[in-house]
Amino acid sequence: VFEEFGYIYDSSVGAPALPIPVWPYTLDYKIPQECKSVTCPTKSFPGVWEVPLNAHYVKHLEGGHCPYLDHGVLHNHYPTELFLWLRDDFLRYYNQNRAPY
């Protein structure tokens, strides 16, 4: 499908909750992180970039391991707690390797 439609990037591969976020990479080789989905690429796609879905999380708050912010179980937290969670999660990217957030 990538070659047929001329795709140059994909953003469908999730990355587990890791201390350091995963930077985008090409699919010239096998993906660098563990993938538990049946939709993960099983062959190389030279020249196609993968922008991984890094899991959002903060160690001290439960329910925050999610690749999409609307999938996290954050409904039982106060708005101030959510703000702090988002800030800490953003700073995890910004203060380490500045992978796309």
C-alpha atoms as a PDB file:
ATOM      1  CA  VAL A   1       0.000   0.000   0.000  1.00  0.00           C
ATOM      2  CA  PHE A   2       2.825   2.417   0.840  1.00  0.00           C
ATOM      3  CA  GLU A   3       4.379   2.136  -2.591  1.00  0.00           C
ATOM      4  CA  GLU A   4       1.067   2.124  -4.478  1.00  0.00           C
ATOM      5  CA  PHE A   5      -0.171   5.394  -3.007  1.00  0.00           C
ATOM      6  CA  GLY A   6       3.173   7.172  -2.633  1.00  0.00           C
ATOM      7  CA  TYR A   7       3.113   7.474   1.160  1.00  0.00           C
ATOM      8  CA  ILE A   8       6.191   9.087   2.673  1.00  0.00           C
ATOM      9  CA  TYR A   9       5.300   8.577   6.352  1.00  0.00           C
ATOM     10  CA  ASP A  10       3.124   6.505   8.659  1.00  0.00           C
ATOM     11  CA  SER A  11       1.983   7.115  12.216  1.00  0.00           C
ATOM     12  CA  SER A  12       0.217   3.939  13.241  1.00  0.00           C
ATOM     13  CA  VAL A  13       2.858   2.063  15.241  1.00  0.00           C
ATOM     14  CA  GLY A  14       2.588   2.488  18.989  1.00  0.00           C
ATOM     15  CA  ALA A  15       5.628   2.689  21.224  1.00  0.00           C
ATOM     16  CA  PRO A  16       5.321   1.375  24.786  1.00  0.00           C
ATOM     17  CA  ALA A  17       5.656   3.681  27.774  1.00  0.00           C
ATOM     18  CA  LEU A  18       9.407   4.206  27.815  1.00  0.00           C
ATOM     19  CA  PRO A  19      11.444   6.588  29.975  1.00  0.00           C
ATOM     20  CA  ILE A  20      12.814   8.222  26.804  1.00  0.00           C
ATOM     21  CA  PRO A  21      10.406   8.812  23.880  1.00  0.00           C
ATOM     22  CA  VAL A  22      11.141   7.224  20.491  1.00  0.00           C
ATOM     23  CA  TRP A  23      12.155   9.551  17.656  1.00  0.00           C
ATOM     24  CA  PRO A  24      10.741   9.097  14.142  1.00  0.00           C
ATOM     25  CA  TYR A  25      12.717   6.637  12.018  1.00  0.00           C
ATOM     26  CA  THR A  26      12.647   5.184   8.531  1.00  0.00           C
ATOM     27  CA  LEU A  27      11.179   1.797   7.796  1.00  0.00           C
ATOM     28  CA  ASP A  28      14.331   0.862   5.895  1.00  0.00           C
ATOM     29  CA  TYR A  29      14.869  -1.772   8.600  1.00  0.00           C
ATOM     30  CA  LYS A  30      12.937  -3.514  11.364  1.00  0.00           C
ATOM     31  CA  ILE A  31      11.211  -1.189  13.844  1.00  0.00           C
ATOM     32  CA  PRO A  32      13.375  -0.504  16.937  1.00  0.00           C
ATOM     33  CA  GLN A  33      10.707  -0.864  19.637  1.00  0.00           C
ATOM     34  CA  GLU A  34       8.571  -3.795  20.721  1.00  0.00           C
ATOM     35  CA  CYS A  35       5.270  -3.963  18.867  1.00  0.00           C
ATOM     36  CA  LYS A  36       2.332  -6.054  20.048  1.00  0.00           C
ATOM     37  CA  SER A  37      -0.050  -5.112  17.243  1.00  0.00           C
ATOM     38  CA  VAL A  38      -0.753  -7.290  14.229  1.00  0.00           C
ATOM     39  CA  THR A  39      -0.610  -4.153  12.072  1.00  0.00           C
ATOM     40  CA  CYS A  40       3.095  -3.504  12.678  1.00  0.00           C
ATOM     41  CA  PRO A  41       5.261  -3.658   9.559  1.00  0.00           C
ATOM     42  CA  THR A  42       6.831  -7.057   9.004  1.00  0.00           C
ATOM     43  CA  LYS A  43       9.077  -6.017   6.122  1.00  0.00           C
ATOM     44  CA  SER A  44      11.079  -2.958   5.204  1.00  0.00           C
ATOM     45  CA  PHE A  45       9.633   0.007   3.319  1.00  0.00           C
ATOM     46  CA  PRO A  46      12.710   1.949   2.188  1.00  0.00           C
ATOM     47  CA  GLY A  47      12.304   5.707   2.383  1.00  0.00           C
ATOM     48  CA  VAL A  48       9.049   5.631   4.375  1.00  0.00           C
ATOM     49  CA  TRP A  49       9.192   7.380   7.742  1.00  0.00           C
ATOM     50  CA  GLU A  50       7.462   6.131  10.881  1.00  0.00           C
ATOM     51  CA  VAL A  51       6.330   8.736  13.405  1.00  0.00           C
ATOM     52  CA  PRO A  52       5.677   6.447  16.387  1.00  0.00           C
ATOM     53  CA  LEU A  53       2.785   6.923  18.779  1.00  0.00           C
ATOM     54  CA  ASN A  54       4.730   7.346  22.005  1.00  0.00           C
ATOM     55  CA  ALA A  55       2.660   6.422  25.042  1.00  0.00           C
ATOM     56  CA  HIS A  56       1.905   9.402  27.255  1.00  0.00           C
ATOM     57  CA  TYR A  57       2.506   8.781  30.908  1.00  0.00           C
ATOM     58  CA  VAL A  58       3.702  10.265  34.168  1.00  0.00           C
ATOM     59  CA  LYS A  59       5.057   7.884  36.814  1.00  0.00           C
ATOM     60  CA  HIS A  60       3.177   9.240  39.818  1.00  0.00           C
ATOM     61  CA  LEU A  61      -0.315   9.305  38.230  1.00  0.00           C
ATOM     62  CA  GLU A  62      -2.225   6.129  37.458  1.00  0.00           C
ATOM     63  CA  GLY A  63      -4.202   5.636  34.269  1.00  0.00           C
ATOM     64  CA  GLY A  64      -1.935   7.647  32.041  1.00  0.00           C
ATOM     65  CA  HIS A  65      -0.348   5.069  29.716  1.00  0.00           C
ATOM     66  CA  CYS A  66      -1.993   5.905  26.404  1.00  0.00           C
ATOM     67  CA  PRO A  67      -0.841   6.710  22.851  1.00  0.00           C
ATOM     68  CA  TYR A  68      -3.837   9.008  22.319  1.00  0.00           C
ATOM     69  CA  LEU A  69      -4.715  11.471  25.044  1.00  0.00           C
ATOM     70  CA  ASP A  70      -8.421  10.674  24.714  1.00  0.00           C
ATOM     71  CA  HIS A  71      -7.691   6.997  25.491  1.00  0.00           C
ATOM     72  CA  GLY A  72      -6.074   7.629  28.865  1.00  0.00           C
ATOM     73  CA  VAL A  73      -8.092   6.882  31.978  1.00  0.00           C
ATOM     74  CA  LEU A  74      -7.872  10.374  33.390  1.00  0.00           C
ATOM     75  CA  HIS A  75     -11.511  11.084  34.253  1.00  0.00           C
ATOM     76  CA  ASN A  76     -10.974  10.668  37.988  1.00  0.00           C
ATOM     77  CA  HIS A  77      -8.455  13.518  38.257  1.00  0.00           C
ATOM     78  CA  TYR A  78      -9.018  17.197  38.954  1.00  0.00           C
ATOM     79  CA  PRO A  79      -8.269  19.738  36.186  1.00  0.00           C
ATOM     80  CA  THR A  80      -5.173  20.921  38.063  1.00  0.00           C
ATOM     81  CA  GLU A  81      -3.872  17.336  38.237  1.00  0.00           C
ATOM     82  CA  LEU A  82      -4.471  16.897  34.501  1.00  0.00           C
ATOM     83  CA  PHE A  83      -2.622  20.112  33.748  1.00  0.00           C
ATOM     84  CA  LEU A  84       0.341  18.968  35.846  1.00  0.00           C
ATOM     85  CA  TRP A  85       0.212  15.540  34.161  1.00  0.00           C
ATOM     86  CA  LEU A  86       0.325  17.125  30.693  1.00  0.00           C
ATOM     87  CA  ARG A  87       3.104  19.487  31.739  1.00  0.00           C
ATOM     88  CA  ASP A  88       5.223  16.696  33.230  1.00  0.00           C
ATOM     89  CA  ASP A  89       4.609  14.490  30.194  1.00  0.00           C
ATOM     90  CA  PHE A  90       5.600  17.308  27.817  1.00  0.00           C
ATOM     91  CA  LEU A  91       8.724  18.055  29.860  1.00  0.00           C
ATOM     92  CA  ARG A  92       9.699  14.366  29.636  1.00  0.00           C
ATOM     93  CA  TYR A  93      10.056  14.936  25.882  1.00  0.00           C
ATOM     94  CA  TYR A  94      11.409  18.472  25.993  1.00  0.00           C
ATOM     95  CA  ASN A  95      14.070  17.901  28.649  1.00  0.00           C
ATOM     96  CA  GLN A  96      15.364  14.627  27.197  1.00  0.00           C
ATOM     97  CA  ASN A  97      15.597  14.014  23.470  1.00  0.00           C
ATOM     98  CA  ARG A  98      12.899  16.436  22.216  1.00  0.00           C
ATOM     99  CA  ALA A  99      11.106  13.785  20.199  1.00  0.00           C
ATOM    100  CA  PRO A 100       7.930  15.156  18.574  1.00  0.00           C
ATOM    101  CA  TYR A 101       5.145  15.490  21.138  1.00  0.00           C
END
